[in-house]
Protein backbone atom coordinates (compact mmCIF):
# COMPACT_ATOMS: atom_id res chain seq x y z
CA UNK A 1 17.00 4.35 24.74
CA UNK A 2 16.50 4.54 20.99
CA UNK A 3 19.09 2.86 18.82
CA UNK A 4 20.37 4.99 15.95
CA UNK A 5 20.74 3.00 12.75
CA UNK A 6 23.58 4.11 10.51
CA UNK A 7 22.56 4.73 6.89
CA UNK A 8 25.21 2.29 5.66
CA UNK A 9 23.54 -0.48 7.67
CA UNK A 10 20.18 0.31 6.10
CA UNK A 11 21.74 0.40 2.62
CA UNK A 12 23.36 -3.00 3.09
CA UNK A 13 20.18 -4.51 4.55
CA UNK A 14 18.06 -3.28 1.63
CA UNK A 15 20.53 -4.60 -0.95
CA UNK A 16 20.69 -7.94 0.87
CA UNK A 17 16.90 -8.23 0.92
CA UNK A 18 16.81 -7.80 -2.85
CA UNK A 19 19.58 -10.37 -3.30
CA UNK A 20 17.93 -12.83 -0.92
CA UNK A 21 14.71 -12.55 -2.94
CA UNK A 22 16.53 -13.27 -6.20
CA UNK A 23 16.61 -9.73 -7.57
CA UNK A 24 19.94 -8.62 -9.02
CA UNK A 25 20.96 -5.06 -9.86
CA UNK A 26 21.46 -6.23 -13.46
CA UNK A 27 17.86 -7.48 -13.62
CA UNK A 28 16.61 -4.01 -12.76
CA UNK A 29 19.17 -2.36 -15.06
CA UNK A 30 17.79 -4.37 -18.00
CA UNK A 31 14.39 -2.78 -17.43
CA UNK A 32 15.97 0.67 -17.18
CA UNK A 33 17.78 0.04 -20.46
CA UNK A 34 14.53 -0.99 -22.16
CA UNK A 35 12.80 2.16 -20.87
CA UNK A 36 15.52 4.63 -21.87
CA UNK A 37 17.21 3.18 -24.97
CA UNK A 38 14.51 4.39 -27.39
CA UNK A 39 15.26 7.96 -26.32
CA UNK A 40 19.03 7.59 -25.98
CA UNK A 41 20.53 5.01 -28.38
CA UNK A 42 24.00 5.78 -27.01
CA UNK A 43 22.90 4.38 -23.64
CA UNK A 44 25.09 1.59 -22.25
CA UNK A 45 24.10 -1.11 -19.79
CA UNK A 46 26.85 0.15 -17.43
CA UNK A 47 24.99 3.49 -17.24
CA UNK A 48 21.82 1.65 -16.22
CA UNK A 49 23.60 -0.45 -13.57
CA UNK A 50 25.19 2.70 -12.15
CA UNK A 51 21.84 4.50 -12.07
CA UNK A 52 20.18 1.61 -10.23
CA UNK A 53 22.99 1.59 -7.66
CA UNK A 54 22.63 5.35 -7.17
CA UNK A 55 18.87 5.28 -6.59
CA UNK A 56 19.31 2.40 -4.14
CA UNK A 57 21.18 4.88 -1.93
CA UNK A 58 17.92 6.79 -1.36
CA UNK A 59 16.36 6.15 2.03
CA UNK A 60 12.81 6.18 0.66
CA UNK A 61 13.62 3.23 -1.57
CA UNK A 62 15.57 1.42 1.12
CA UNK A 63 12.68 1.76 3.54
CA UNK A 64 10.18 0.61 0.90
CA UNK A 65 12.34 -2.46 0.23
CA UNK A 66 12.66 -3.32 3.91
CA UNK A 67 8.96 -2.86 4.70
CA UNK A 68 7.66 -4.50 1.53
CA UNK A 69 9.90 -7.54 1.64
CA UNK A 70 9.19 -7.99 5.34
CA UNK A 71 5.44 -8.04 4.66
CA UNK A 72 5.93 -10.49 1.79
CA UNK A 73 7.98 -12.78 4.06
CA UNK A 74 5.43 -12.57 6.86
CA UNK A 75 2.72 -13.55 4.37
CA UNK A 76 4.85 -16.49 3.13
CA UNK A 77 5.15 -17.69 6.71
CA UNK A 78 1.44 -17.12 7.34
CA UNK A 79 2.21 -14.65 10.12
CA UNK A 80 -0.21 -11.88 9.14
CA UNK A 81 -3.63 -11.72 10.70
CA UNK A 82 -6.73 -12.32 8.59
CA UNK A 83 -8.00 -10.93 6.34
CA UNK A 84 -4.63 -9.25 5.58
CA UNK A 85 -2.92 -12.64 5.28
CA UNK A 86 -5.20 -13.76 2.46
CA UNK A 87 -5.15 -10.36 0.75
CA UNK A 88 -1.34 -10.15 0.63
CA UNK A 89 -0.80 -13.84 -0.07
CA UNK A 90 -3.16 -13.78 -3.07
CA UNK A 91 -2.03 -10.32 -4.25
CA UNK A 92 -5.65 -9.22 -4.25
CA UNK A 93 -6.36 -6.98 -7.26
CA UNK A 94 -8.08 -4.26 -5.25
CA UNK A 95 -5.30 -4.14 -2.64
CA UNK A 96 -3.35 -1.01 -3.54
CA UNK A 97 -1.07 -0.63 -0.55
CA UNK A 98 1.78 -2.34 -2.41
CA UNK A 99 1.54 0.17 -5.27
CA UNK A 100 1.09 3.06 -2.83
CA UNK A 101 4.36 2.28 -1.04
CA UNK A 102 6.21 1.84 -4.34
CA UNK A 103 4.70 4.96 -5.87
CA UNK A 104 5.64 6.95 -2.78
CA UNK A 105 9.23 5.83 -3.26
CA UNK A 106 9.08 7.01 -6.90
CA UNK A 107 7.93 10.54 -6.11
CA UNK A 108 11.45 11.82 -5.45
CA UNK A 109 12.43 11.45 -9.10
CA UNK A 110 9.59 13.45 -10.63
CA UNK A 111 6.90 12.87 -13.20
CA UNK A 112 9.06 10.67 -15.43
CA UNK A 113 9.50 8.22 -12.55
CA UNK A 114 5.79 8.31 -11.72
CA UNK A 115 4.62 7.68 -15.29
CA UNK A 116 7.30 5.04 -15.85
CA UNK A 117 6.23 3.31 -12.64
CA UNK A 118 2.63 3.23 -13.92
CA UNK A 119 3.80 1.73 -17.21
CA UNK A 120 5.90 -0.92 -15.45
CA UNK A 121 3.12 -1.74 -12.99
CA UNK A 122 0.71 -2.32 -15.85
CA UNK A 123 3.03 -4.09 -18.30
CA UNK A 124 5.20 -6.12 -15.86
CA UNK A 125 8.49 -6.08 -17.78
CA UNK A 126 11.44 -8.40 -17.09
CA UNK A 127 12.05 -9.44 -13.48
CA UNK A 128 8.84 -7.62 -12.48
CA UNK A 129 6.82 -10.15 -14.50
CA UNK A 130 8.77 -13.05 -12.97
CA UNK A 131 8.07 -11.78 -9.45
CA UNK A 132 4.41 -11.08 -10.21
CA UNK A 133 3.71 -14.52 -11.67
CA UNK A 134 5.66 -16.73 -9.22
CA UNK A 135 2.77 -18.68 -7.80
CA UNK A 136 3.67 -21.17 -5.09
CA UNK A 137 7.28 -19.92 -5.01
CA UNK A 138 6.97 -17.21 -2.42
CA UNK A 139 4.93 -14.08 -2.00
CA UNK A 140 6.09 -11.03 -3.95
CA UNK A 141 3.05 -8.79 -3.59
CA UNK A 142 5.18 -5.83 -2.53
CA UNK A 143 8.48 -6.72 -4.17
CA UNK A 144 7.32 -6.60 -7.80
CA UNK A 145 6.05 -3.04 -7.29
CA UNK A 146 9.16 -1.98 -5.40
CA UNK A 147 11.37 -3.28 -8.22
CA UNK A 148 9.20 -1.30 -10.66
CA UNK A 149 9.77 1.79 -8.50
CA UNK A 150 13.54 1.26 -8.44
CA UNK A 151 13.62 0.84 -12.22
CA UNK A 152 11.38 3.87 -12.75
CA UNK A 153 13.58 6.01 -10.52
CA UNK A 154 16.76 4.86 -12.26
CA UNK A 155 15.23 5.54 -15.69
CA UNK A 156 14.11 9.00 -14.63
CA UNK A 157 17.52 9.75 -13.17
CA UNK A 158 19.11 8.85 -16.51
CA UNK A 159 16.62 10.92 -18.50
CA UNK A 160 17.43 13.97 -16.38
CA UNK A 161 21.18 13.36 -16.64
CA UNK A 162 20.99 13.08 -20.44
CA UNK A 163 19.07 16.36 -20.57
CA UNK A 164 21.66 18.03 -18.33
CA UNK A 165 24.44 16.81 -20.65
CA UNK A 166 22.61 18.14 -23.70
CA UNK A 167 22.22 21.53 -22.03
CA UNK A 168 25.90 21.63 -21.06
CA UNK A 169 26.83 20.99 -24.69
CA UNK A 170 24.39 23.65 -25.89
CA UNK A 171 25.71 26.15 -23.32
CA UNK A 172 29.25 25.49 -24.59
CA UNK A 173 28.14 26.15 -28.17
CA UNK A 174 26.40 29.37 -27.16
CA UNK A 175 29.54 30.59 -25.37
CA UNK A 176 31.67 29.71 -28.42
CA UNK A 177 29.31 31.70 -30.68
CA UNK A 178 29.42 34.68 -28.30
CA UNK A 179 33.21 34.64 -28.47
CA UNK A 180 33.07 34.68 -32.29
CA UNK A 181 30.65 37.61 -32.34
CA UNK A 182 32.79 39.34 -29.79
């Protein structure tokens, strides 16, 4: 008999995995702020934290977190078979499965998320850089890319929400002008 896993259990497990690996919501929110502030100077850190929390409710991200962190932990404990063990443990440059999982999780938030993910993967900003360069302190082959995906999704979510707000304001102005013209 298959066990049904409640979505709340998956959400809590994914959040705990991030916490256990030293990644805080605020760490990711700082990246989101850096990505979106140039376009929206009125942006507040609270908006970024909220956006990160919202995207962490998405199953695609939760599953990516659970799978990626599990593989990182298996590699830390030398429990993967060779040659996969050495590839994951060394974060082999030509190994793209980590990016593929993270990119797949970014697809739900559109082209802004995809291009932002590419930027973060290349430039390793904030906690992503810390995870990518921690040599001898655990394996984060998958986690750095997953964090980049979370940040990219949260940044894209904010960009779309700002645009929606701008359109709502513009629609209100158009309606006001129509009333004046009568």
